Amino acid sequence: MEDPCQKRNAAGATNALVAAQMALAGVRATAPLDETVEAMRRVGQSLPFELRETALGGMAACPSCRARCGR
């Protein structure tokens, strides 16, 4: 599953640059970081186990992706 990870890393780097520009421009968040992290934790815990980066569901379960990994 290297290809999706590389694309996700590129998207993450882009988000980091945009976030830095927003911070330097003085853009303020509407919710405090602690509340945002807690909300993300609750959402993550509500996801089925197979969808939690376990390589058991989502794109990892698609036939074309499984074939690329030799499964």
C-alpha atoms as a PDB file:
ATOM      1  CA  MET A   1       0.000   0.000   0.000  1.00  0.00           C
ATOM      2  CA  GLU A   2       2.900   2.378  -0.661  1.00  0.00           C
ATOM      3  CA  ASP A   3       1.184   4.431  -3.370  1.00  0.00           C
ATOM      4  CA  PRO A   4      -1.765   5.626  -1.251  1.00  0.00           C
ATOM      5  CA  CYS A   5       0.620   6.363   1.629  1.00  0.00           C
ATOM      6  CA  GLN A   6       2.877   8.483  -0.581  1.00  0.00           C
ATOM      7  CA  LYS A   7      -0.110  10.465  -1.799  1.00  0.00           C
ATOM      8  CA  ARG A   8      -1.370  10.886   1.762  1.00  0.00           C
ATOM      9  CA  ASN A   9       2.083  12.093   2.874  1.00  0.00           C
ATOM     10  CA  ALA A  10       2.153  14.647   0.040  1.00  0.00           C
ATOM     11  CA  ALA A  11      -1.308  15.858   1.031  1.00  0.00           C
ATOM     12  CA  GLY A  12      -0.177  16.088   4.666  1.00  0.00           C
ATOM     13  CA  ALA A  13       2.846  18.185   3.704  1.00  0.00           C
ATOM     14  CA  THR A  14       0.603  20.501   1.695  1.00  0.00           C
ATOM     15  CA  ASN A  15      -1.781  20.847   4.649  1.00  0.00           C
ATOM     16  CA  ALA A  16       1.163  21.689   6.911  1.00  0.00           C
ATOM     17  CA  LEU A  17       2.298  24.482   4.590  1.00  0.00           C
ATOM     18  CA  VAL A  18      -1.216  25.915   4.346  1.00  0.00           C
ATOM     19  CA  ALA A  19      -1.628  25.717   8.133  1.00  0.00           C
ATOM     20  CA  ALA A  20       1.660  27.569   8.623  1.00  0.00           C
ATOM     21  CA  GLN A  21       0.568  30.305   6.213  1.00  0.00           C
ATOM     22  CA  MET A  22      -2.775  30.616   7.996  1.00  0.00           C
ATOM     23  CA  ALA A  23      -1.072  30.872  11.395  1.00  0.00           C
ATOM     24  CA  LEU A  24       1.312  33.544  10.135  1.00  0.00           C
ATOM     25  CA  ALA A  25      -1.648  35.451   8.678  1.00  0.00           C
ATOM     26  CA  GLY A  26      -3.365  35.471  12.076  1.00  0.00           C
ATOM     27  CA  VAL A  27      -6.261  33.157  11.224  1.00  0.00           C
ATOM     28  CA  ARG A  28      -7.809  31.857  14.460  1.00  0.00           C
ATOM     29  CA  ALA A  29      -9.399  28.443  15.009  1.00  0.00           C
ATOM     30  CA  THR A  30     -13.087  28.336  15.896  1.00  0.00           C
ATOM     31  CA  ALA A  31     -12.548  25.488  18.399  1.00  0.00           C
ATOM     32  CA  PRO A  32      -9.650  25.002  20.840  1.00  0.00           C
ATOM     33  CA  LEU A  33      -7.108  22.285  19.990  1.00  0.00           C
ATOM     34  CA  ASP A  34      -8.067  20.135  23.004  1.00  0.00           C
ATOM     35  CA  GLU A  35     -11.726  20.039  21.943  1.00  0.00           C
ATOM     36  CA  THR A  36     -10.756  19.218  18.360  1.00  0.00           C
ATOM     37  CA  VAL A  37      -8.486  16.360  19.435  1.00  0.00           C
ATOM     38  CA  GLU A  38     -11.184  14.960  21.742  1.00  0.00           C
ATOM     39  CA  ALA A  39     -13.760  15.076  18.934  1.00  0.00           C
ATOM     40  CA  MET A  40     -11.340  13.273  16.602  1.00  0.00           C
ATOM     41  CA  ARG A  41     -10.683  10.644  19.302  1.00  0.00           C
ATOM     42  CA  ARG A  42     -14.408   9.982  19.686  1.00  0.00           C
ATOM     43  CA  VAL A  43     -14.874   9.650  15.927  1.00  0.00           C
ATOM     44  CA  GLY A  44     -11.898   7.286  15.667  1.00  0.00           C
ATOM     45  CA  GLN A  45     -13.209   5.107  18.478  1.00  0.00           C
ATOM     46  CA  SER A  46     -16.601   4.883  16.803  1.00  0.00           C
ATOM     47  CA  LEU A  47     -15.100   3.498  13.573  1.00  0.00           C
ATOM     48  CA  PRO A  48     -15.269  -0.260  13.038  1.00  0.00           C
ATOM     49  CA  PHE A  49     -11.967  -2.023  13.779  1.00  0.00           C
ATOM     50  CA  GLU A  50     -11.462  -2.885  10.097  1.00  0.00           C
ATOM     51  CA  LEU A  51     -11.342   0.804   9.146  1.00  0.00           C
ATOM     52  CA  ARG A  52      -8.740   1.874  11.724  1.00  0.00           C
ATOM     53  CA  GLU A  53      -5.576   1.595   9.594  1.00  0.00           C
ATOM     54  CA  THR A  54      -5.466  -2.167  10.139  1.00  0.00           C
ATOM     55  CA  ALA A  55      -5.133  -3.081   6.417  1.00  0.00           C
ATOM     56  CA  LEU A  56      -8.298  -5.164   6.836  1.00  0.00           C
ATOM     57  CA  GLY A  57     -10.830  -2.815   5.260  1.00  0.00           C
ATOM     58  CA  GLY A  58     -11.235   0.242   3.087  1.00  0.00           C
ATOM     59  CA  MET A  59      -8.881   0.427   0.108  1.00  0.00           C
ATOM     60  CA  ALA A  60      -6.810  -2.440   1.537  1.00  0.00           C
ATOM     61  CA  ALA A  61      -9.737  -4.775   0.837  1.00  0.00           C
ATOM     62  CA  CYS A  62     -10.096  -3.782  -2.856  1.00  0.00           C
ATOM     63  CA  PRO A  63      -9.061  -6.516  -5.319  1.00  0.00           C
ATOM     64  CA  SER A  64      -6.729  -4.230  -7.307  1.00  0.00           C
ATOM     65  CA  CYS A  65      -4.923  -3.060  -4.154  1.00  0.00           C
ATOM     66  CA  ARG A  66      -4.671  -6.576  -2.795  1.00  0.00           C
ATOM     67  CA  ALA A  67      -3.183  -7.740  -6.120  1.00  0.00           C
ATOM     68  CA  ARG A  68      -0.477  -5.060  -5.933  1.00  0.00           C
ATOM     69  CA  CYS A  69       0.481  -6.355  -2.496  1.00  0.00           C
ATOM     70  CA  GLY A  70       0.575  -9.973  -3.629  1.00  0.00           C
ATOM     71  CA  ARG A  71      -2.521 -11.011  -1.698  1.00  0.00           C
END
